Amino acid sequence: MDVQHFTRIAAFIEARLTPLFAAETGSENGFAMDDTSRALRALRNAVLEASAVKGLIEKRAEAEPAVRRVIDQSVEHHWDVLRGIARQWEDHPDFVREFKRHAWELDGVPAAG
């Protein structure tokens, strides 16, 4: 698994969420205190938090073996979070099979172009 996998899945999810922050949705751009706005902010925060693991991937190569195992666990967990969110749009034309795969299935596999 590489940084590009996280970049691609986070971009896919953000592309689905960003239009929902429009005034036309009735959520007051996602920044009000209505339930829709709160749910949108919570989901966006979950995506941002899970995609932040990209920095760990870059440090993995130089990490000690014990730290590397912790990084691997964190990467797998955060990938699962993003994968679960992205799969809500499996029927979207921009959804790619890579988003359904487990982290260990992507080891050594470069992100699709």
N, C-alpha and C. Protein backbone atom coordinates (compact mmCIF):
# COMPACT_ATOMS: atom_id res chain seq x y z
N MET A 1 0.85 -1.18 0.00
CA MET A 1 0.00 0.00 0.00
C MET A 1 0.89 1.23 0.00
N ASP A 2 0.50 2.22 -0.76
CA ASP A 2 1.29 3.44 -0.80
C ASP A 2 0.39 4.66 -0.57
N VAL A 3 1.03 5.80 -0.49
CA VAL A 3 0.33 7.06 -0.21
C VAL A 3 -0.74 7.32 -1.26
N GLN A 4 -0.49 6.94 -2.49
CA GLN A 4 -1.44 7.19 -3.56
C GLN A 4 -2.78 6.51 -3.32
N HIS A 5 -2.78 5.34 -2.69
CA HIS A 5 -4.05 4.68 -2.38
C HIS A 5 -4.90 5.58 -1.48
N PHE A 6 -4.27 6.15 -0.45
CA PHE A 6 -4.99 7.03 0.46
C PHE A 6 -5.40 8.33 -0.22
N THR A 7 -4.55 8.85 -1.05
CA THR A 7 -4.87 10.08 -1.78
C THR A 7 -6.08 9.87 -2.67
N ARG A 8 -6.10 8.76 -3.38
CA ARG A 8 -7.20 8.48 -4.32
C ARG A 8 -8.53 8.25 -3.61
N ILE A 9 -8.52 7.47 -2.53
CA ILE A 9 -9.79 7.17 -1.87
C ILE A 9 -10.31 8.40 -1.14
N ALA A 10 -9.41 9.19 -0.54
CA ALA A 10 -9.85 10.42 0.14
C ALA A 10 -10.41 11.41 -0.87
N ALA A 11 -9.78 11.53 -2.02
CA ALA A 11 -10.28 12.44 -3.06
C ALA A 11 -11.65 11.98 -3.57
N PHE A 12 -11.82 10.67 -3.72
CA PHE A 12 -13.11 10.14 -4.16
C PHE A 12 -14.21 10.52 -3.16
N ILE A 13 -13.93 10.30 -1.88
CA ILE A 13 -14.94 10.61 -0.85
C ILE A 13 -15.19 12.11 -0.78
N GLU A 14 -14.14 12.90 -0.79
CA GLU A 14 -14.30 14.36 -0.75
C GLU A 14 -15.14 14.86 -1.92
N ALA A 15 -14.96 14.26 -3.08
CA ALA A 15 -15.75 14.66 -4.25
C ALA A 15 -17.23 14.36 -4.05
N ARG A 16 -17.55 13.36 -3.26
CA ARG A 16 -18.95 13.04 -2.97
C ARG A 16 -19.49 13.98 -1.89
N LEU A 17 -18.64 14.37 -0.93
CA LEU A 17 -19.10 15.18 0.19
C LEU A 17 -19.19 16.68 -0.12
N THR A 18 -18.24 17.19 -0.87
CA THR A 18 -18.16 18.63 -1.10
C THR A 18 -19.47 19.23 -1.63
N PRO A 19 -20.14 18.61 -2.60
CA PRO A 19 -21.41 19.20 -3.07
C PRO A 19 -22.48 19.24 -1.98
N LEU A 20 -22.37 18.39 -0.99
CA LEU A 20 -23.37 18.37 0.07
C LEU A 20 -23.27 19.56 1.01
N PHE A 21 -22.17 20.28 0.92
CA PHE A 21 -21.99 21.48 1.73
C PHE A 21 -22.54 22.72 1.03
N ALA A 22 -23.32 22.52 -0.02
CA ALA A 22 -23.91 23.63 -0.77
C ALA A 22 -25.22 24.06 -0.12
N ALA A 23 -25.53 25.31 -0.24
CA ALA A 23 -26.75 25.87 0.36
C ALA A 23 -28.00 25.19 -0.19
N GLU A 24 -27.94 24.68 -1.42
CA GLU A 24 -29.11 24.06 -2.04
C GLU A 24 -29.57 22.80 -1.30
N THR A 25 -28.71 22.21 -0.49
CA THR A 25 -29.06 20.98 0.22
C THR A 25 -29.90 21.27 1.46
N GLY A 26 -29.98 22.53 1.84
CA GLY A 26 -30.75 22.88 3.03
C GLY A 26 -29.95 22.74 4.32
N SER A 27 -28.68 22.40 4.22
CA SER A 27 -27.89 22.21 5.41
C SER A 27 -27.13 23.46 5.80
N GLU A 28 -27.47 24.56 5.22
CA GLU A 28 -26.79 25.82 5.48
C GLU A 28 -25.28 25.67 5.31
N ASN A 29 -24.91 25.06 4.20
CA ASN A 29 -23.51 24.85 3.83
C ASN A 29 -22.76 23.92 4.79
N GLY A 30 -23.47 23.13 5.58
CA GLY A 30 -22.82 22.17 6.45
C GLY A 30 -22.22 22.78 7.70
N PHE A 31 -22.42 24.05 7.91
CA PHE A 31 -21.78 24.71 9.06
C PHE A 31 -22.78 25.22 10.08
N ALA A 32 -24.03 24.81 9.93
CA ALA A 32 -25.06 25.21 10.90
C ALA A 32 -25.11 24.17 12.02
N MET A 33 -26.11 24.24 12.84
CA MET A 33 -26.25 23.31 13.95
C MET A 33 -27.38 22.31 13.73
N ASP A 34 -27.87 22.21 12.49
CA ASP A 34 -28.90 21.21 12.19
C ASP A 34 -28.22 19.84 12.10
N ASP A 35 -29.01 18.79 12.19
CA ASP A 35 -28.45 17.44 12.18
C ASP A 35 -27.71 17.10 10.89
N THR A 36 -28.21 17.58 9.76
CA THR A 36 -27.54 17.31 8.49
C THR A 36 -26.14 17.94 8.48
N SER A 37 -26.05 19.18 8.92
CA SER A 37 -24.75 19.85 8.97
C SER A 37 -23.79 19.13 9.91
N ARG A 38 -24.29 18.73 11.06
CA ARG A 38 -23.43 18.02 12.02
C ARG A 38 -22.94 16.69 11.46
N ALA A 39 -23.83 15.97 10.78
CA ALA A 39 -23.45 14.68 10.20
C ALA A 39 -22.41 14.88 9.09
N LEU A 40 -22.58 15.89 8.28
CA LEU A 40 -21.60 16.16 7.22
C LEU A 40 -20.24 16.52 7.80
N ARG A 41 -20.22 17.35 8.83
CA ARG A 41 -18.95 17.70 9.46
C ARG A 41 -18.29 16.49 10.09
N ALA A 42 -19.08 15.66 10.76
CA ALA A 42 -18.52 14.47 11.40
C ALA A 42 -17.93 13.52 10.36
N LEU A 43 -18.64 13.33 9.27
CA LEU A 43 -18.14 12.45 8.21
C LEU A 43 -16.88 13.02 7.58
N ARG A 44 -16.87 14.30 7.29
CA ARG A 44 -15.68 14.94 6.70
C ARG A 44 -14.50 14.84 7.67
N ASN A 45 -14.73 15.04 8.95
CA ASN A 45 -13.65 14.91 9.94
C ASN A 45 -13.11 13.49 9.99
N ALA A 46 -13.98 12.50 9.89
CA ALA A 46 -13.54 11.10 9.89
C ALA A 46 -12.65 10.83 8.67
N VAL A 47 -13.02 11.37 7.53
CA VAL A 47 -12.23 11.19 6.32
C VAL A 47 -10.88 11.88 6.46
N LEU A 48 -10.87 13.10 6.95
CA LEU A 48 -9.61 13.82 7.13
C LEU A 48 -8.70 13.11 8.11
N GLU A 49 -9.26 12.63 9.21
CA GLU A 49 -8.45 11.91 10.21
C GLU A 49 -7.88 10.63 9.63
N ALA A 50 -8.70 9.87 8.94
CA ALA A 50 -8.24 8.59 8.40
C ALA A 50 -7.20 8.80 7.30
N SER A 51 -7.34 9.84 6.51
CA SER A 51 -6.38 10.06 5.42
C SER A 51 -5.08 10.67 5.92
N ALA A 52 -5.04 11.17 7.14
CA ALA A 52 -3.82 11.75 7.70
C ALA A 52 -2.73 10.71 7.91
N VAL A 53 -3.07 9.44 7.83
CA VAL A 53 -2.10 8.37 8.02
C VAL A 53 -1.06 8.35 6.91
N LYS A 54 -1.27 9.12 5.86
CA LYS A 54 -0.31 9.17 4.75
C LYS A 54 1.09 9.51 5.25
N GLY A 55 1.18 10.36 6.24
CA GLY A 55 2.48 10.73 6.80
C GLY A 55 3.20 9.56 7.44
N LEU A 56 2.44 8.64 8.02
CA LEU A 56 3.06 7.45 8.61
C LEU A 56 3.65 6.53 7.56
N ILE A 57 2.97 6.40 6.46
CA ILE A 57 3.44 5.52 5.39
C ILE A 57 4.83 5.96 4.93
N GLU A 58 5.01 7.26 4.83
CA GLU A 58 6.29 7.80 4.37
C GLU A 58 7.41 7.52 5.36
N LYS A 59 7.09 7.39 6.65
CA LYS A 59 8.10 7.16 7.69
C LYS A 59 8.36 5.67 7.94
N ARG A 60 7.56 4.82 7.36
CA ARG A 60 7.64 3.39 7.64
C ARG A 60 8.98 2.78 7.30
N ALA A 61 9.54 3.16 6.17
CA ALA A 61 10.78 2.55 5.68
C ALA A 61 11.94 2.72 6.67
N GLU A 62 12.01 3.84 7.34
CA GLU A 62 13.11 4.09 8.28
C GLU A 62 12.78 3.68 9.71
N ALA A 63 11.56 3.23 9.96
CA ALA A 63 11.14 2.91 11.32
C ALA A 63 11.72 1.58 11.80
N GLU A 64 11.87 1.48 13.12
CA GLU A 64 12.30 0.23 13.73
C GLU A 64 11.19 -0.81 13.53
N PRO A 65 11.53 -2.09 13.56
CA PRO A 65 10.53 -3.13 13.33
C PRO A 65 9.28 -3.03 14.21
N ALA A 66 9.46 -2.72 15.49
CA ALA A 66 8.29 -2.62 16.38
C ALA A 66 7.40 -1.45 15.98
N VAL A 67 8.01 -0.35 15.64
CA VAL A 67 7.25 0.83 15.20
C VAL A 67 6.60 0.54 13.85
N ARG A 68 7.30 -0.18 12.99
CA ARG A 68 6.75 -0.53 11.68
C ARG A 68 5.46 -1.34 11.83
N ARG A 69 5.43 -2.25 12.80
CA ARG A 69 4.20 -3.04 13.02
C ARG A 69 3.04 -2.15 13.46
N VAL A 70 3.33 -1.17 14.30
CA VAL A 70 2.30 -0.24 14.75
C VAL A 70 1.81 0.61 13.57
N ILE A 71 2.74 1.05 12.74
CA ILE A 71 2.36 1.82 11.55
C ILE A 71 1.47 0.97 10.65
N ASP A 72 1.86 -0.28 10.45
CA ASP A 72 1.06 -1.17 9.60
C ASP A 72 -0.36 -1.33 10.14
N GLN A 73 -0.48 -1.48 11.45
CA GLN A 73 -1.81 -1.63 12.06
C GLN A 73 -2.63 -0.36 11.88
N SER A 74 -1.99 0.77 12.05
CA SER A 74 -2.69 2.05 11.90
C SER A 74 -3.13 2.26 10.46
N VAL A 75 -2.25 1.94 9.51
CA VAL A 75 -2.58 2.07 8.10
C VAL A 75 -3.77 1.18 7.75
N GLU A 76 -3.73 -0.06 8.21
CA GLU A 76 -4.84 -0.98 7.93
C GLU A 76 -6.15 -0.47 8.53
N HIS A 77 -6.10 0.00 9.77
CA HIS A 77 -7.32 0.50 10.41
C HIS A 77 -7.90 1.70 9.64
N HIS A 78 -7.04 2.65 9.33
CA HIS A 78 -7.53 3.85 8.65
C HIS A 78 -7.99 3.56 7.23
N TRP A 79 -7.33 2.60 6.57
CA TRP A 79 -7.81 2.20 5.24
C TRP A 79 -9.21 1.61 5.36
N ASP A 80 -9.43 0.78 6.38
CA ASP A 80 -10.76 0.18 6.57
C ASP A 80 -11.83 1.23 6.80
N VAL A 81 -11.48 2.29 7.54
CA VAL A 81 -12.43 3.39 7.77
C VAL A 81 -12.80 4.03 6.43
N LEU A 82 -11.79 4.38 5.65
CA LEU A 82 -12.05 5.02 4.36
C LEU A 82 -12.76 4.08 3.40
N ARG A 83 -12.37 2.83 3.42
CA ARG A 83 -13.00 1.84 2.55
C ARG A 83 -14.48 1.71 2.87
N GLY A 84 -14.82 1.68 4.16
CA GLY A 84 -16.22 1.58 4.56
C GLY A 84 -17.04 2.78 4.11
N ILE A 85 -16.44 3.96 4.18
CA ILE A 85 -17.14 5.16 3.74
C ILE A 85 -17.30 5.14 2.22
N ALA A 86 -16.21 4.86 1.52
CA ALA A 86 -16.25 4.87 0.04
C ALA A 86 -17.23 3.86 -0.51
N ARG A 87 -17.37 2.73 0.15
CA ARG A 87 -18.26 1.68 -0.37
C ARG A 87 -19.72 2.09 -0.35
N GLN A 88 -20.05 3.18 0.30
CA GLN A 88 -21.42 3.68 0.25
C GLN A 88 -21.77 4.17 -1.16
N TRP A 89 -20.73 4.41 -1.96
CA TRP A 89 -20.92 4.87 -3.33
C TRP A 89 -20.41 3.85 -4.33
N GLU A 90 -20.55 2.58 -4.04
CA GLU A 90 -20.06 1.53 -4.96
C GLU A 90 -20.68 1.64 -6.34
N ASP A 91 -21.88 2.16 -6.42
CA ASP A 91 -22.54 2.27 -7.72
C ASP A 91 -22.17 3.54 -8.48
N HIS A 92 -21.30 4.37 -7.92
CA HIS A 92 -20.87 5.61 -8.57
C HIS A 92 -19.88 5.28 -9.69
N PRO A 93 -19.96 5.95 -10.82
CA PRO A 93 -19.06 5.64 -11.93
C PRO A 93 -17.58 5.86 -11.62
N ASP A 94 -17.25 6.69 -10.66
CA ASP A 94 -15.84 6.94 -10.31
C ASP A 94 -15.30 5.96 -9.27
N PHE A 95 -16.16 5.11 -8.74
CA PHE A 95 -15.72 4.12 -7.76
C PHE A 95 -14.85 3.09 -8.47
N VAL A 96 -13.70 2.79 -7.88
CA VAL A 96 -12.80 1.80 -8.48
C VAL A 96 -12.67 0.60 -7.55
N ARG A 97 -12.42 -0.53 -8.13
CA ARG A 97 -12.33 -1.79 -7.38
C ARG A 97 -11.33 -1.72 -6.24
N GLU A 98 -10.28 -0.97 -6.41
CA GLU A 98 -9.25 -0.79 -5.38
C GLU A 98 -9.87 -0.38 -4.04
N PHE A 99 -10.96 0.38 -4.07
CA PHE A 99 -11.59 0.86 -2.84
C PHE A 99 -12.28 -0.25 -2.06
N LYS A 100 -12.48 -1.41 -2.68
CA LYS A 100 -13.12 -2.53 -2.00
C LYS A 100 -12.10 -3.47 -1.36
N ARG A 101 -10.85 -3.32 -1.74
CA ARG A 101 -9.83 -4.27 -1.32
C ARG A 101 -9.34 -3.97 0.09
N HIS A 102 -8.92 -5.03 0.78
CA HIS A 102 -8.32 -4.89 2.10
C HIS A 102 -6.91 -4.34 1.97
N ALA A 103 -6.39 -3.75 3.03
CA ALA A 103 -5.06 -3.15 3.01
C ALA A 103 -4.00 -4.16 2.58
N TRP A 104 -4.06 -5.37 3.12
CA TRP A 104 -3.03 -6.35 2.79
C TRP A 104 -3.09 -6.80 1.33
N GLU A 105 -4.24 -6.62 0.69
CA GLU A 105 -4.36 -6.95 -0.72
C GLU A 105 -3.67 -5.91 -1.61
N LEU A 106 -3.40 -4.75 -1.03
CA LEU A 106 -2.79 -3.66 -1.79
C LEU A 106 -1.29 -3.56 -1.55
N ASP A 107 -0.75 -4.40 -0.66
CA ASP A 107 0.69 -4.38 -0.40
C ASP A 107 1.46 -4.67 -1.69
N GLY A 108 2.37 -3.78 -2.00
CA GLY A 108 3.18 -3.97 -3.20
C GLY A 108 2.48 -3.67 -4.50
N VAL A 109 1.22 -3.22 -4.42
CA VAL A 109 0.45 -2.92 -5.63
C VAL A 109 0.35 -1.40 -5.74
N PRO A 110 0.95 -0.82 -6.79
CA PRO A 110 0.83 0.63 -6.94
C PRO A 110 -0.62 1.02 -7.23
N ALA A 111 -1.00 2.20 -6.77
CA ALA A 111 -2.35 2.70 -7.02
C ALA A 111 -2.58 2.82 -8.51
N ALA A 112 -3.78 2.51 -8.94
CA ALA A 112 -4.13 2.60 -10.36
C ALA A 112 -4.05 4.05 -10.80
N GLY A 113 -3.77 4.24 -12.07
CA GLY A 113 -3.62 5.60 -12.61
C GLY A 113 -4.89 6.31 -12.84
